[in-house]
PDB file of N, CA and C in Angstrom:
ATOM      1  N   MET A   1       0.888  -1.408   0.098  1.00  0.00           N
ATOM      2  CA  MET A   1       0.046  -0.056  -0.061  1.00  0.00           C
ATOM      3  C   MET A   1       0.909   1.221  -0.007  1.00  0.00           C
ATOM      4  N   GLU A   2       0.612   2.041  -1.040  1.00  0.00           N
ATOM      5  CA  GLU A   2       1.498   3.472  -1.161  1.00  0.00           C
ATOM      6  C   GLU A   2       0.788   4.291   0.086  1.00  0.00           C
ATOM      7  N   ARG A   3       2.072   4.694   0.537  1.00  0.00           N
ATOM      8  CA  ARG A   3       1.771   6.126   1.816  1.00  0.00           C
ATOM      9  C   ARG A   3       2.069   7.292   1.058  1.00  0.00           C
ATOM     10  N   THR A   4       1.071   8.379   1.295  1.00  0.00           N
ATOM     11  CA  THR A   4       1.283   9.335   0.612  1.00  0.00           C
ATOM     12  C   THR A   4       0.966  10.542   1.696  1.00  0.00           C
ATOM     13  N   THR A   5       1.751  11.572   1.553  1.00  0.00           N
ATOM     14  CA  THR A   5       1.230  12.558   2.471  1.00  0.00           C
ATOM     15  C   THR A   5       1.078  13.937   1.802  1.00  0.00           C
ATOM     16  N   PRO A   6      -0.210  14.204   1.480  1.00  0.00           N
ATOM     17  CA  PRO A   6      -0.181  15.479   0.499  1.00  0.00           C
ATOM     18  C   PRO A   6      -0.275  16.487   1.377  1.00  0.00           C
ATOM     19  N   GLY A   7      -0.465  16.284   2.426  1.00  0.00           N
ATOM     20  CA  GLY A   7      -0.130  17.859   3.404  1.00  0.00           C
ATOM     21  C   GLY A   7       1.171  18.376   3.127  1.00  0.00           C
ATOM     22  N   THR A   8       2.372  17.585   2.889  1.00  0.00           N
ATOM     23  CA  THR A   8       3.611  17.989   3.022  1.00  0.00           C
ATOM     24  C   THR A   8       3.883  19.087   1.815  1.00  0.00           C
ATOM     25  N   ASP A   9       3.487  18.834   0.565  1.00  0.00           N
ATOM     26  CA  ASP A   9       3.490  19.610  -0.554  1.00  0.00           C
ATOM     27  C   ASP A   9       2.852  21.216  -0.385  1.00  0.00           C
ATOM     28  N   ARG A  10       1.820  20.932   0.360  1.00  0.00           N
ATOM     29  CA  ARG A  10       1.102  22.530   0.658  1.00  0.00           C
ATOM     30  C   ARG A  10       2.143  23.063   1.434  1.00  0.00           C
ATOM     31  N   CYS A  11       2.676  22.747   2.530  1.00  0.00           N
ATOM     32  CA  CYS A  11       3.683  23.902   3.120  1.00  0.00           C
ATOM     33  C   CYS A  11       4.632  24.561   2.239  1.00  0.00           C
ATOM     34  N   ILE A  12       5.040  24.223   1.352  1.00  0.00           N
ATOM     35  CA  ILE A  12       5.976  25.043   0.239  1.00  0.00           C
ATOM     36  C   ILE A  12       4.898  25.945  -0.502  1.00  0.00           C
ATOM     37  N   ASN A  13       4.003  25.450  -0.756  1.00  0.00           N
ATOM     38  CA  ASN A  13       3.183  26.657  -1.420  1.00  0.00           C
ATOM     39  C   ASN A  13       2.383  27.855  -0.845  1.00  0.00           C
ATOM     40  N   ILE A  14       2.167  27.641   0.559  1.00  0.00           N
ATOM     41  CA  ILE A  14       1.434  28.216   1.243  1.00  0.00           C
ATOM     42  C   ILE A  14       2.125  29.000   2.401  1.00  0.00           C
ATOM     43  N   ALA A  15       3.291  28.258   2.918  1.00  0.00           N
ATOM     44  CA  ALA A  15       4.150  29.193   3.853  1.00  0.00           C
ATOM     45  C   ALA A  15       4.510  30.729   3.451  1.00  0.00           C
ATOM     46  N   GLY A  16       3.906  31.383   4.155  1.00  0.00           N
ATOM     47  CA  GLY A  16       4.322  32.554   4.252  1.00  0.00           C
ATOM     48  C   GLY A  16       4.852  33.088   5.509  1.00  0.00           C
ATOM     49  N   SER A  17       5.245  34.528   5.515  1.00  0.00           N
ATOM     50  CA  SER A  17       5.923  34.938   6.639  1.00  0.00           C
ATOM     51  C   SER A  17       5.279  34.948   7.906  1.00  0.00           C
ATOM     52  N   PRO A  18       5.704  34.327   8.954  1.00  0.00           N
ATOM     53  CA  PRO A  18       4.905  34.179  10.327  1.00  0.00           C
ATOM     54  C   PRO A  18       4.036  35.608  10.726  1.00  0.00           C
ATOM     55  N   SER A  19       3.117  35.427  10.904  1.00  0.00           N
ATOM     56  CA  SER A  19       2.387  36.542  11.831  1.00  0.00           C
ATOM     57  C   SER A  19       3.166  37.254  12.414  1.00  0.00           C
ATOM     58  N   SER A  20       3.019  38.554  12.282  1.00  0.00           N
ATOM     59  CA  SER A  20       4.015  39.727  13.012  1.00  0.00           C
ATOM     60  C   SER A  20       3.130  40.843  14.105  1.00  0.00           C
ATOM     61  N   GLY A  21       3.545  41.211  14.778  1.00  0.00           N
ATOM     62  CA  GLY A  21       2.582  42.101  15.469  1.00  0.00           C
ATOM     63  C   GLY A  21       2.466  41.703  16.889  1.00  0.00           C
ATOM     64  N   ARG A  22       1.543  41.984  17.692  1.00  0.00           N
ATOM     65  CA  ARG A  22       1.262  41.783  19.066  1.00  0.00           C
ATOM     66  C   ARG A  22       0.759  40.578  18.992  1.00  0.00           C
ATOM     67  N   GLY A  23      -0.368  40.115  18.201  1.00  0.00           N
ATOM     68  CA  GLY A  23      -1.278  39.130  18.150  1.00  0.00           C
ATOM     69  C   GLY A  23      -0.476  38.017  17.639  1.00  0.00           C
ATOM     70  N   GLY A  24       0.741  37.817  16.779  1.00  0.00           N
ATOM     71  CA  GLY A  24       1.164  36.881  15.847  1.00  0.00           C
ATOM     72  C   GLY A  24       1.562  35.706  17.028  1.00  0.00           C
ATOM     73  N   ARG A  25       2.445  35.654  18.039  1.00  0.00           N
ATOM     74  CA  ARG A  25       2.294  34.658  18.804  1.00  0.00           C
ATOM     75  C   ARG A  25       1.257  34.354  19.380  1.00  0.00           C
ATOM     76  N   THR A  26       0.362  35.022  19.938  1.00  0.00           N
ATOM     77  CA  THR A  26      -0.986  34.491  20.505  1.00  0.00           C
ATOM     78  C   THR A  26      -1.753  33.952  20.050  1.00  0.00           C
ATOM     79  N   ASP A  27      -1.717  34.119  18.500  1.00  0.00           N
ATOM     80  CA  ASP A  27      -2.531  33.550  17.465  1.00  0.00           C
ATOM     81  C   ASP A  27      -2.081  32.215  17.263  1.00  0.00           C
ATOM     82  N   ARG A  28      -0.915  31.937  17.049  1.00  0.00           N
ATOM     83  CA  ARG A  28      -0.140  30.658  16.975  1.00  0.00           C
ATOM     84  C   ARG A  28      -0.313  29.882  17.935  1.00  0.00           C
ATOM     85  N   LEU A  29      -0.360  30.213  19.049  1.00  0.00           N
ATOM     86  CA  LEU A  29      -0.507  29.452  20.232  1.00  0.00           C
ATOM     87  C   LEU A  29      -1.807  28.894  20.340  1.00  0.00           C
ATOM     88  N   ALA A  30      -2.968  29.870  20.215  1.00  0.00           N
ATOM     89  CA  ALA A  30      -4.160  29.550  20.233  1.00  0.00           C
ATOM     90  C   ALA A  30      -4.392  28.374  19.175  1.00  0.00           C
ATOM     91  N   LEU A  31      -3.781  28.397  17.923  1.00  0.00           N
ATOM     92  CA  LEU A  31      -4.017  27.387  16.779  1.00  0.00           C
ATOM     93  C   LEU A  31      -3.276  26.244  16.986  1.00  0.00           C
ATOM     94  N   ILE A  32      -2.147  26.298  17.585  1.00  0.00           N
ATOM     95  CA  ILE A  32      -1.308  25.050  18.106  1.00  0.00           C
ATOM     96  C   ILE A  32      -2.334  24.325  19.054  1.00  0.00           C
ATOM     97  N   LYS A  33      -2.890  25.079  20.041  1.00  0.00           N
ATOM     98  CA  LYS A  33      -4.050  24.460  21.019  1.00  0.00           C
ATOM     99  C   LYS A  33      -5.390  23.700  20.056  1.00  0.00           C
ATOM    100  N   GLU A  34      -5.578  24.534  18.960  1.00  0.00           N
ATOM    101  CA  GLU A  34      -6.763  24.058  18.378  1.00  0.00           C
ATOM    102  C   GLU A  34      -6.348  22.606  17.335  1.00  0.00           C
ATOM    103  N   ILE A  35      -4.971  22.434  16.954  1.00  0.00           N
ATOM    104  CA  ILE A  35      -4.729  21.370  16.379  1.00  0.00           C
ATOM    105  C   ILE A  35      -4.400  20.403  17.337  1.00  0.00           C
ATOM    106  N   ASP A  36      -3.828  20.397  18.329  1.00  0.00           N
ATOM    107  CA  ASP A  36      -3.703  19.670  19.598  1.00  0.00           C
ATOM    108  C   ASP A  36      -4.991  18.965  19.887  1.00  0.00           C
ATOM    109  N   ALA A  37      -6.242  19.890  20.151  1.00  0.00           N
ATOM    110  CA  ALA A  37      -7.655  19.179  20.412  1.00  0.00           C
ATOM    111  C   ALA A  37      -7.846  18.530  19.430  1.00  0.00           C
ATOM    112  N   PHE A  38      -7.973  18.811  18.124  1.00  0.00           N
ATOM    113  CA  PHE A  38      -8.275  18.078  16.923  1.00  0.00           C
ATOM    114  C   PHE A  38      -7.582  16.957  16.736  1.00  0.00           C
ATOM    115  N   VAL A  39      -6.062  16.800  16.948  1.00  0.00           N
ATOM    116  CA  VAL A  39      -5.690  15.492  16.791  1.00  0.00           C
ATOM    117  C   VAL A  39      -5.909  14.659  17.680  1.00  0.00           C
ATOM    118  N   ARG A  40      -6.234  15.094  18.991  1.00  0.00           N
ATOM    119  CA  ARG A  40      -6.475  14.039  20.129  1.00  0.00           C
ATOM    120  C   ARG A  40      -7.987  13.543  19.933  1.00  0.00           C
ATOM    121  N   GLU A  41      -8.794  14.519  19.522  1.00  0.00           N
ATOM    122  CA  GLU A  41      -9.963  14.033  19.178  1.00  0.00           C
ATOM    123  C   GLU A  41     -10.175  12.878  17.838  1.00  0.00           C
ATOM    124  N   HIS A  42      -9.699  13.164  16.897  1.00  0.00           N
ATOM    125  CA  HIS A  42      -9.706  12.088  15.877  1.00  0.00           C
ATOM    126  C   HIS A  42      -8.351  11.597  15.653  1.00  0.00           C
ATOM    127  N   GLY A  43      -7.322  11.400  16.697  1.00  0.00           N
ATOM    128  CA  GLY A  43      -6.268  10.430  16.440  1.00  0.00           C
ATOM    129  C   GLY A  43      -6.522   8.845  16.150  1.00  0.00           C
ATOM    130  N   ALA A  44      -7.778   8.445  16.928  1.00  0.00           N
ATOM    131  CA  ALA A  44      -7.946   7.012  16.791  1.00  0.00           C
ATOM    132  C   ALA A  44      -8.850   6.696  16.098  1.00  0.00           C
ATOM    133  N   ILE A  45      -8.833   7.677  14.718  1.00  0.00           N
ATOM    134  CA  ILE A  45     -10.017   7.649  13.688  1.00  0.00           C
ATOM    135  C   ILE A  45     -10.039   6.342  12.950  1.00  0.00           C
ATOM    136  N   LEU A  46      -8.603   5.610  12.701  1.00  0.00           N
ATOM    137  CA  LEU A  46      -8.443   4.496  12.609  1.00  0.00           C
ATOM    138  C   LEU A  46      -9.227   3.242  13.038  1.00  0.00           C
ATOM    139  N   ALA A  47      -9.336   3.154  14.424  1.00  0.00           N
ATOM    140  CA  ALA A  47      -9.855   2.124  15.156  1.00  0.00           C
ATOM    141  C   ALA A  47     -11.250   2.617  15.221  1.00  0.00           C
ATOM    142  N   ARG A  48     -11.682   3.623  14.671  1.00  0.00           N
ATOM    143  CA  ARG A  48     -13.385   3.937  14.938  1.00  0.00           C
ATOM    144  C   ARG A  48     -13.997   4.239  13.669  1.00  0.00           C
ATOM    145  N   TYR A  49     -13.239   3.984  12.428  1.00  0.00           N
ATOM    146  CA  TYR A  49     -13.534   4.222  11.162  1.00  0.00           C
ATOM    147  C   TYR A  49     -14.919   3.750  10.957  1.00  0.00           C
ATOM    148  N   HIS A  50     -15.668   2.513  11.236  1.00  0.00           N
ATOM    149  CA  HIS A  50     -16.825   2.181  11.202  1.00  0.00           C
ATOM    150  C   HIS A  50     -17.929   3.022  11.699  1.00  0.00           C
ATOM    151  N   ARG A  51     -17.461   3.788  12.754  1.00  0.00           N
ATOM    152  CA  ARG A  51     -18.730   4.981  12.990  1.00  0.00           C
ATOM    153  C   ARG A  51     -18.932   5.605  12.508  1.00  0.00           C
ATOM    154  N   TYR A  52     -18.003   6.088  11.525  1.00  0.00           N
ATOM    155  CA  TYR A  52     -18.282   7.280  10.760  1.00  0.00           C
ATOM    156  C   TYR A  52     -18.694   7.051   9.100  1.00  0.00           C
ATOM    157  N   THR A  53     -19.645   8.052   8.746  1.00  0.00           N
ATOM    158  CA  THR A  53     -19.899   7.928   7.383  1.00  0.00           C
ATOM    159  C   THR A  53     -18.992   8.812   6.617  1.00  0.00           C
ATOM    160  N   MET A  54     -19.106   8.062   5.450  1.00  0.00           N
ATOM    161  CA  MET A  54     -18.129   8.767   4.459  1.00  0.00           C
ATOM    162  C   MET A  54     -18.175  10.262   4.327  1.00  0.00           C
ATOM    163  N   ASP A  55     -19.463  11.025   4.572  1.00  0.00           N
ATOM    164  CA  ASP A  55     -19.352  12.124   4.494  1.00  0.00           C
ATOM    165  C   ASP A  55     -18.732  13.059   6.157  1.00  0.00           C
ATOM    166  N   ASP A  56     -18.827  12.075   7.060  1.00  0.00           N
ATOM    167  CA  ASP A  56     -18.102  12.577   8.338  1.00  0.00           C
ATOM    168  C   ASP A  56     -16.330  12.538   7.900  1.00  0.00           C
ATOM    169  N   LEU A  57     -16.110  11.497   7.396  1.00  0.00           N
ATOM    170  CA  LEU A  57     -14.611  11.205   7.358  1.00  0.00           C
ATOM    171  C   LEU A  57     -14.165  12.562   6.279  1.00  0.00           C
ATOM    172  N   ASP A  58     -15.040  12.903   5.200  1.00  0.00           N
ATOM    173  CA  ASP A  58     -14.651  13.846   4.214  1.00  0.00           C
ATOM    174  C   ASP A  58     -14.542  15.201   4.882  1.00  0.00           C
ATOM    175  N   ARG A  59     -15.696  15.352   6.154  1.00  0.00           N
ATOM    176  CA  ARG A  59     -15.479  16.720   6.875  1.00  0.00           C
ATOM    177  C   ARG A  59     -14.330  16.822   7.545  1.00  0.00           C
ATOM    178  N   ILE A  60     -14.201  15.643   8.208  1.00  0.00           N
ATOM    179  CA  ILE A  60     -12.868  15.658   9.122  1.00  0.00           C
ATOM    180  C   ILE A  60     -11.359  15.973   8.265  1.00  0.00           C
ATOM    181  N   GLU A  61     -11.763  15.232   7.143  1.00  0.00           N
ATOM    182  CA  GLU A  61     -10.254  15.504   6.227  1.00  0.00           C
ATOM    183  C   GLU A  61     -10.228  16.905   5.672  1.00  0.00           C
ATOM    184  N   GLU A  62     -11.209  17.603   5.343  1.00  0.00           N
ATOM    185  CA  GLU A  62     -11.333  19.074   5.195  1.00  0.00           C
ATOM    186  C   GLU A  62     -10.902  19.946   6.308  1.00  0.00           C
ATOM    187  N   GLU A  63     -11.304  19.499   7.501  1.00  0.00           N
ATOM    188  CA  GLU A  63     -10.836  20.361   8.854  1.00  0.00           C
ATOM    189  C   GLU A  63      -9.621  20.085   9.006  1.00  0.00           C
ATOM    190  N   CYS A  64      -9.133  19.000   8.863  1.00  0.00           N
ATOM    191  CA  CYS A  64      -7.574  18.470   8.974  1.00  0.00           C
ATOM    192  C   CYS A  64      -6.943  19.482   7.969  1.00  0.00           C
ATOM    193  N   ARG A  65      -7.061  19.534   6.888  1.00  0.00           N
ATOM    194  CA  ARG A  65      -6.253  20.317   5.775  1.00  0.00           C
ATOM    195  C   ARG A  65      -6.394  21.722   6.048  1.00  0.00           C
ATOM    196  N   ARG A  66      -7.646  22.267   6.259  1.00  0.00           N
ATOM    197  CA  ARG A  66      -7.908  23.433   6.815  1.00  0.00           C
ATOM    198  C   ARG A  66      -6.871  24.185   7.803  1.00  0.00           C
ATOM    199  N   LEU A  67      -6.874  23.416   9.034  1.00  0.00           N
ATOM    200  CA  LEU A  67      -5.850  23.591   9.830  1.00  0.00           C
ATOM    201  C   LEU A  67      -4.765  23.435   9.511  1.00  0.00           C
ATOM    202  N   HIS A  68      -4.338  22.543   8.728  1.00  0.00           N
ATOM    203  CA  HIS A  68      -2.623  22.715   8.235  1.00  0.00           C
ATOM    204  C   HIS A  68      -2.479  23.950   7.450  1.00  0.00           C
ATOM    205  N   GLU A  69      -3.215  24.305   6.478  1.00  0.00           N
ATOM    206  CA  GLU A  69      -2.741  25.587   5.938  1.00  0.00           C
ATOM    207  C   GLU A  69      -2.981  26.402   6.607  1.00  0.00           C
ATOM    208  N   GLU A  70      -3.719  26.700   7.558  1.00  0.00           N
ATOM    209  CA  GLU A  70      -3.893  27.570   8.811  1.00  0.00           C
ATOM    210  C   GLU A  70      -2.448  27.960   9.171  1.00  0.00           C
ATOM    211  N   ALA A  71      -2.153  26.516   9.785  1.00  0.00           N
ATOM    212  CA  ALA A  71      -0.959  26.931  10.430  1.00  0.00           C
ATOM    213  C   ALA A  71       0.421  26.936   9.673  1.00  0.00           C
ATOM    214  N   CYS A  72       0.465  26.594   8.380  1.00  0.00           N
ATOM    215  CA  CYS A  72       1.630  27.018   7.417  1.00  0.00           C
ATOM    216  C   CYS A  72       1.459  28.631   7.010  1.00  0.00           C
ATOM    217  N   GLY A  73      -0.072  29.179   6.984  1.00  0.00           N
ATOM    218  CA  GLY A  73       0.131  30.554   6.676  1.00  0.00           C
ATOM    219  C   GLY A  73       0.530  31.410   7.542  1.00  0.00           C
ATOM    220  N   ARG A  74       0.483  30.790   9.167  1.00  0.00           N
ATOM    221  CA  ARG A  74       0.736  31.564  10.093  1.00  0.00           C
ATOM    222  C   ARG A  74       1.986  31.500  10.572  1.00  0.00           C
ATOM    223  N   GLY A  75       3.064  30.838   9.629  1.00  0.00           N
ATOM    224  CA  GLY A  75       4.126  30.432  10.064  1.00  0.00           C
ATOM    225  C   GLY A  75       4.549  29.584  11.367  1.00  0.00           C
ATOM    226  N   ALA A  76       3.607  28.510  11.261  1.00  0.00           N
ATOM    227  CA  ALA A  76       3.487  27.637  12.716  1.00  0.00           C
ATOM    228  C   ALA A  76       3.342  26.264  11.826  1.00  0.00           C
ATOM    229  N   CYS A  77       4.105  26.039  10.735  1.00  0.00           N
ATOM    230  CA  CYS A  77       3.869  25.052   9.859  1.00  0.00           C
ATOM    231  C   CYS A  77       4.652  23.764  10.278  1.00  0.00           C
ATOM    232  N   GLY A  78       5.639  23.872  11.355  1.00  0.00           N
ATOM    233  CA  GLY A  78       6.170  22.754  11.826  1.00  0.00           C
ATOM    234  C   GLY A  78       5.505  22.125  12.753  1.00  0.00           C
ATOM    235  N   THR A  79       4.575  22.907  13.429  1.00  0.00           N
ATOM    236  CA  THR A  79       3.390  22.298  14.312  1.00  0.00           C
ATOM    237  C   THR A  79       2.822  21.346  13.894  1.00  0.00           C
ATOM    238  N   ALA A  80       2.413  21.673  12.289  1.00  0.00           N
ATOM    239  CA  ALA A  80       1.472  20.673  11.672  1.00  0.00           C
ATOM    240  C   ALA A  80       1.953  19.396  11.181  1.00  0.00           C
ATOM    241  N   GLY A  81       2.816  18.727  11.656  1.00  0.00           N
ATOM    242  CA  GLY A  81       3.320  17.477  11.504  1.00  0.00           C
ATOM    243  C   GLY A  81       2.349  16.548  11.705  1.00  0.00           C
ATOM    244  N   GLU A  82       1.704  16.524  13.033  1.00  0.00           N
ATOM    245  CA  GLU A  82       0.599  15.768  13.332  1.00  0.00           C
ATOM    246  C   GLU A  82      -0.669  15.814  12.339  1.00  0.00           C
ATOM    247  N   LEU A  83      -0.671  16.726  11.950  1.00  0.00           N
ATOM    248  CA  LEU A  83      -1.956  17.108  10.982  1.00  0.00           C
ATOM    249  C   LEU A  83      -1.783  16.125   9.711  1.00  0.00           C
ATOM    250  N   VAL A  84      -0.413  15.864   9.171  1.00  0.00           N
ATOM    251  CA  VAL A  84       0.038  15.349   8.352  1.00  0.00           C
ATOM    252  C   VAL A  84      -0.147  13.888   8.431  1.00  0.00           C
ATOM    253  N   GLU A  85       0.103  13.470   9.503  1.00  0.00           N
ATOM    254  CA  GLU A  85      -0.040  12.167   9.957  1.00  0.00           C
ATOM    255  C   GLU A  85      -1.443  11.854   9.810  1.00  0.00           C
ATOM    256  N   LEU A  86      -2.292  12.382  10.729  1.00  0.00           N
ATOM    257  CA  LEU A  86      -3.748  12.492  10.647  1.00  0.00           C
ATOM    258  C   LEU A  86      -4.639  12.502   9.262  1.00  0.00           C
ATOM    259  N   GLU A  87      -3.888  13.385   8.935  1.00  0.00           N
ATOM    260  CA  GLU A  87      -4.319  13.266   7.151  1.00  0.00           C
ATOM    261  C   GLU A  87      -4.385  11.717   6.489  1.00  0.00           C
ATOM    262  N   TYR A  88      -3.120  11.170   6.715  1.00  0.00           N
ATOM    263  CA  TYR A  88      -2.925  10.033   6.031  1.00  0.00           C
ATOM    264  C   TYR A  88      -3.741   8.798   6.738  1.00  0.00           C
ATOM    265  N   LEU A  89      -4.067   9.017   8.241  1.00  0.00           N
ATOM    266  CA  LEU A  89      -4.871   8.071   8.919  1.00  0.00           C
ATOM    267  C   LEU A  89      -6.399   8.139   8.467  1.00  0.00           C
ATOM    268  N   ILE A  90      -6.603   9.476   8.193  1.00  0.00           N
ATOM    269  CA  ILE A  90      -8.198   9.373   7.429  1.00  0.00           C
ATOM    270  C   ILE A  90      -8.255   8.952   6.338  1.00  0.00           C
ATOM    271  N   GLY A  91      -7.336   8.987   5.367  1.00  0.00           N
ATOM    272  CA  GLY A  91      -7.142   8.541   3.976  1.00  0.00           C
ATOM    273  C   GLY A  91      -7.468   7.149   4.298  1.00  0.00           C
ATOM    274  N   GLN A  92      -6.749   6.548   5.142  1.00  0.00           N
ATOM    275  CA  GLN A  92      -6.920   5.077   5.227  1.00  0.00           C
ATOM    276  C   GLN A  92      -8.188   4.523   5.757  1.00  0.00           C
ATOM    277  N   ALA A  93      -8.582   5.238   6.665  1.00  0.00           N
ATOM    278  CA  ALA A  93     -10.072   4.883   7.286  1.00  0.00           C
ATOM    279  C   ALA A  93     -11.194   5.250   6.111  1.00  0.00           C
ATOM    280  N   LYS A  94     -10.849   5.968   5.326  1.00  0.00           N
ATOM    281  CA  LYS A  94     -11.810   6.013   3.961  1.00  0.00           C
ATOM    282  C   LYS A  94     -11.803   4.898   3.062  1.00  0.00           C
ATOM    283  N   ALA A  95     -10.340   4.401   3.277  1.00  0.00           N
ATOM    284  CA  ALA A  95     -10.193   3.020   1.759  1.00  0.00           C
ATOM    285  C   ALA A  95     -10.851   1.856   2.772  1.00  0.00           C
ATOM    286  N   MET A  96     -10.593   1.986   4.385  1.00  0.00           N
ATOM    287  CA  MET A  96     -11.045   0.807   5.133  1.00  0.00           C
ATOM    288  C   MET A  96     -12.688   0.646   4.819  1.00  0.00           C
ATOM    289  N   LYS A  97     -13.311   2.138   4.755  1.00  0.00           N
ATOM    290  CA  LYS A  97     -14.823   2.117   4.956  1.00  0.00           C
ATOM    291  C   LYS A  97     -15.379   1.800   3.846  1.00  0.00           C
ATOM    292  N   ALA A  98     -14.602   2.288   2.370  1.00  0.00           N
ATOM    293  CA  ALA A  98     -15.160   1.881   0.845  1.00  0.00           C
ATOM    294  C   ALA A  98     -15.042   0.104   0.868  1.00  0.00           C
ATOM    295  N   LYS A  99     -13.721  -0.135   1.396  1.00  0.00           N
ATOM    296  CA  LYS A  99     -13.482  -1.392   1.223  1.00  0.00           C
ATOM    297  C   LYS A  99     -14.840  -2.077   1.991  1.00  0.00           C
ATOM    298  N   ARG A 100     -15.272  -1.851   3.193  1.00  0.00           N
ATOM    299  CA  ARG A 100     -16.038  -2.630   3.874  1.00  0.00           C
ATOM    300  C   ARG A 100     -17.371  -2.480   3.344  1.00  0.00           C
ATOM    301  N   MET A 101     -17.791  -1.185   2.517  1.00  0.00           N
ATOM    302  CA  MET A 101     -18.906  -0.929   1.653  1.00  0.00           C
ATOM    303  C   MET A 101     -19.043  -1.771   0.798  1.00  0.00           C
ATOM    304  N   GLU A 102     -17.995  -2.072  -0.060  1.00  0.00           N
ATOM    305  CA  GLU A 102     -17.875  -3.006  -0.878  1.00  0.00           C
ATOM    306  C   GLU A 102     -18.350  -4.340  -0.919  1.00  0.00           C
ATOM    307  N   GLU A 103     -17.584  -4.994   0.338  1.00  0.00           N
ATOM    308  CA  GLU A 103     -17.882  -6.361   0.350  1.00  0.00           C
ATOM    309  C   GLU A 103     -19.175  -6.135   0.960  1.00  0.00           C
ATOM    310  N   GLY A 104     -19.981  -5.738   1.667  1.00  0.00           N
ATOM    311  CA  GLY A 104     -21.489  -5.613   2.056  1.00  0.00           C
ATOM    312  C   GLY A 104     -22.153  -5.722   0.864  1.00  0.00           C
ATOM    313  N   ARG A 105     -21.848  -5.109  -0.451  1.00  0.00           N
ATOM    314  CA  ARG A 105     -22.632  -5.189  -1.597  1.00  0.00           C
ATOM    315  C   ARG A 105     -22.385  -6.510  -2.371  1.00  0.00           C
ATOM    316  N   SER A 106     -21.316  -7.048  -2.458  1.00  0.00           N
ATOM    317  CA  SER A 106     -20.888  -8.043  -3.090  1.00  0.00           C
ATOM    318  C   SER A 106     -21.622  -9.538  -2.583  1.00  0.00           C
ATOM    319  N   PRO A 107     -22.023 -10.354  -3.490  1.00  0.00           N
ATOM    320  CA  PRO A 107     -22.793 -11.428  -3.086  1.00  0.00           C
ATOM    321  C   PRO A 107     -22.115 -12.287  -2.593  1.00  0.00           C
ATOM    322  N   GLY A 108     -22.332 -12.755  -1.421  1.00  0.00           N
ATOM    323  CA  GLY A 108     -21.708 -13.816  -0.511  1.00  0.00           C
ATOM    324  C   GLY A 108     -21.509 -15.381  -0.702  1.00  0.00           C
TER     325      GLY A 108
END
């Protein structure tokens, strides 16, 4: 199975200068806390993939990408490594969900 980390390429294209001014550091810290909470909430997604619909998995994947892009845009891309791993796990969960759905449709 090929492992890809699509989030890695986004860092190069989006990374801008870090936020400057008084709120820059505070904004980054708040974002890091949001990323940490998101990863903790969805980190076991592979073990729970069967509880999610494909729409749920798509929504979680989209939020993961949004957080990653926001981190890179705020100069906190180095903290987004967990999101790249989570994005990979979401992709695996989606593949497992699709396989399970396909197996359920095939005559047995």
